[in-house]
Structure formats: C-alpha cells, structure tokens
C-alpha cells in the first residue's frame, strides 16, 4: 500500500503555515501513532 513520502507531508504542512516546532510535534505524533516509517533524529 503506497503512502505519501515525507517530503510531501512536510511541504503540505508548510503550506498550511506550520512552524518548525509544529512540524516536529506533528512528525513525532505521526511516528508514535505508527503512521511514519522513518527514524526521526532531532538535533
């Protein structure tokens, strides 16, 4: 089953006016919910 890639998700969130902090919170929530198949590395 195909899904959106991370770049598409980030671009869509940016278009909605998400701040960098918003993006991190959203991506972390997506990862916790099992919706994100990527390793988040916060530096």
N, C-alpha and C. Protein backbone atom coordinates (compact mmCIF):
# COMPACT_ATOMS: atom_id res chain seq x y z
N UNK A 1 0.85 -1.18 0.00
CA UNK A 1 0.00 0.00 0.00
C UNK A 1 0.89 1.24 0.00
N UNK A 2 0.73 2.09 -0.96
CA UNK A 2 1.56 3.28 -1.09
C UNK A 2 1.01 4.41 -0.24
N UNK A 3 1.91 5.23 0.23
CA UNK A 3 1.53 6.40 1.02
C UNK A 3 2.31 7.60 0.54
N UNK A 4 2.14 8.70 1.22
CA UNK A 4 2.87 9.92 0.88
C UNK A 4 4.30 9.81 1.39
N UNK A 5 5.22 10.42 0.67
CA UNK A 5 6.58 10.44 1.19
C UNK A 5 6.73 11.61 2.16
N UNK A 6 7.79 11.58 2.94
CA UNK A 6 7.98 12.58 3.99
C UNK A 6 8.08 13.98 3.42
N UNK A 7 8.72 14.14 2.28
CA UNK A 7 8.84 15.45 1.66
C UNK A 7 7.46 16.02 1.35
N UNK A 8 6.56 15.21 0.83
CA UNK A 8 5.21 15.68 0.51
C UNK A 8 4.45 16.11 1.76
N UNK A 9 4.62 15.34 2.82
CA UNK A 9 3.95 15.67 4.09
C UNK A 9 4.47 17.01 4.62
N UNK A 10 5.78 17.17 4.64
CA UNK A 10 6.38 18.40 5.16
C UNK A 10 5.98 19.59 4.30
N UNK A 11 5.97 19.43 2.99
CA UNK A 11 5.57 20.53 2.10
C UNK A 11 4.12 20.93 2.34
N UNK A 12 3.24 19.95 2.53
CA UNK A 12 1.83 20.25 2.79
C UNK A 12 1.67 20.98 4.12
N UNK A 13 2.39 20.53 5.13
CA UNK A 13 2.30 21.20 6.43
C UNK A 13 2.86 22.62 6.37
N UNK A 14 3.94 22.80 5.63
CA UNK A 14 4.49 24.15 5.44
C UNK A 14 3.48 25.05 4.73
N UNK A 15 2.79 24.51 3.74
CA UNK A 15 1.79 25.28 3.00
C UNK A 15 0.64 25.72 3.92
N UNK A 16 0.40 24.94 4.97
CA UNK A 16 -0.64 25.29 5.93
C UNK A 16 -0.15 26.26 6.99
N UNK A 17 1.14 26.61 6.93
CA UNK A 17 1.69 27.58 7.86
C UNK A 17 2.30 26.99 9.12
N UNK A 18 2.62 25.70 9.09
CA UNK A 18 3.23 25.06 10.26
C UNK A 18 4.63 25.62 10.51
N UNK A 19 4.93 25.87 11.77
CA UNK A 19 6.26 26.33 12.15
C UNK A 19 7.18 25.12 12.28
N UNK A 20 8.49 25.34 12.36
CA UNK A 20 9.39 24.19 12.58
C UNK A 20 9.03 23.39 13.83
N UNK A 21 8.65 24.07 14.91
CA UNK A 21 8.25 23.35 16.12
C UNK A 21 6.97 22.55 15.88
N UNK A 22 6.03 23.13 15.12
CA UNK A 22 4.80 22.41 14.77
C UNK A 22 5.15 21.14 13.99
N UNK A 23 6.05 21.28 13.02
CA UNK A 23 6.45 20.14 12.19
C UNK A 23 7.01 19.01 13.04
N UNK A 24 7.89 19.34 13.97
CA UNK A 24 8.48 18.30 14.81
C UNK A 24 7.42 17.63 15.66
N UNK A 25 6.52 18.41 16.23
CA UNK A 25 5.46 17.83 17.07
C UNK A 25 4.56 16.92 16.25
N UNK A 26 4.20 17.36 15.06
CA UNK A 26 3.33 16.57 14.19
C UNK A 26 4.02 15.28 13.76
N UNK A 27 5.28 15.39 13.34
CA UNK A 27 6.01 14.20 12.90
C UNK A 27 6.22 13.22 14.05
N UNK A 28 6.49 13.73 15.25
CA UNK A 28 6.64 12.85 16.41
C UNK A 28 5.32 12.15 16.72
N UNK A 29 4.21 12.87 16.61
CA UNK A 29 2.90 12.27 16.86
C UNK A 29 2.59 11.21 15.80
N UNK A 30 2.94 11.50 14.55
CA UNK A 30 2.73 10.52 13.48
C UNK A 30 3.55 9.26 13.74
N UNK A 31 4.78 9.44 14.19
CA UNK A 31 5.64 8.29 14.48
C UNK A 31 5.07 7.48 15.64
N UNK A 32 4.62 8.14 16.68
CA UNK A 32 4.03 7.45 17.84
C UNK A 32 2.79 6.67 17.46
N UNK A 33 2.02 7.21 16.51
CA UNK A 33 0.79 6.56 16.06
C UNK A 33 1.06 5.45 15.06
N UNK A 34 2.32 5.29 14.64
CA UNK A 34 2.66 4.26 13.68
C UNK A 34 2.39 4.66 12.24
N UNK A 35 2.20 5.95 12.01
CA UNK A 35 1.90 6.45 10.66
C UNK A 35 3.15 6.87 9.90
N UNK A 36 4.28 6.85 10.56
CA UNK A 36 5.51 7.32 9.94
C UNK A 36 6.55 6.22 10.00
N UNK A 37 6.98 5.78 8.84
CA UNK A 37 8.02 4.74 8.78
C UNK A 37 9.35 5.41 8.48
N UNK A 38 9.85 6.13 9.46
CA UNK A 38 11.13 6.82 9.33
C UNK A 38 11.71 7.01 10.72
N UNK A 39 13.00 7.19 10.78
CA UNK A 39 13.65 7.47 12.05
C UNK A 39 13.81 8.97 12.17
N UNK A 40 13.24 9.55 13.21
CA UNK A 40 13.40 10.98 13.44
C UNK A 40 14.65 11.20 14.28
N UNK A 41 15.51 12.05 13.80
CA UNK A 41 16.72 12.40 14.54
C UNK A 41 16.67 13.89 14.81
N UNK A 42 16.45 14.23 16.06
CA UNK A 42 16.31 15.63 16.44
C UNK A 42 17.65 16.11 16.96
N UNK A 43 18.17 17.17 16.32
CA UNK A 43 19.48 17.68 16.72
C UNK A 43 19.36 19.10 17.24
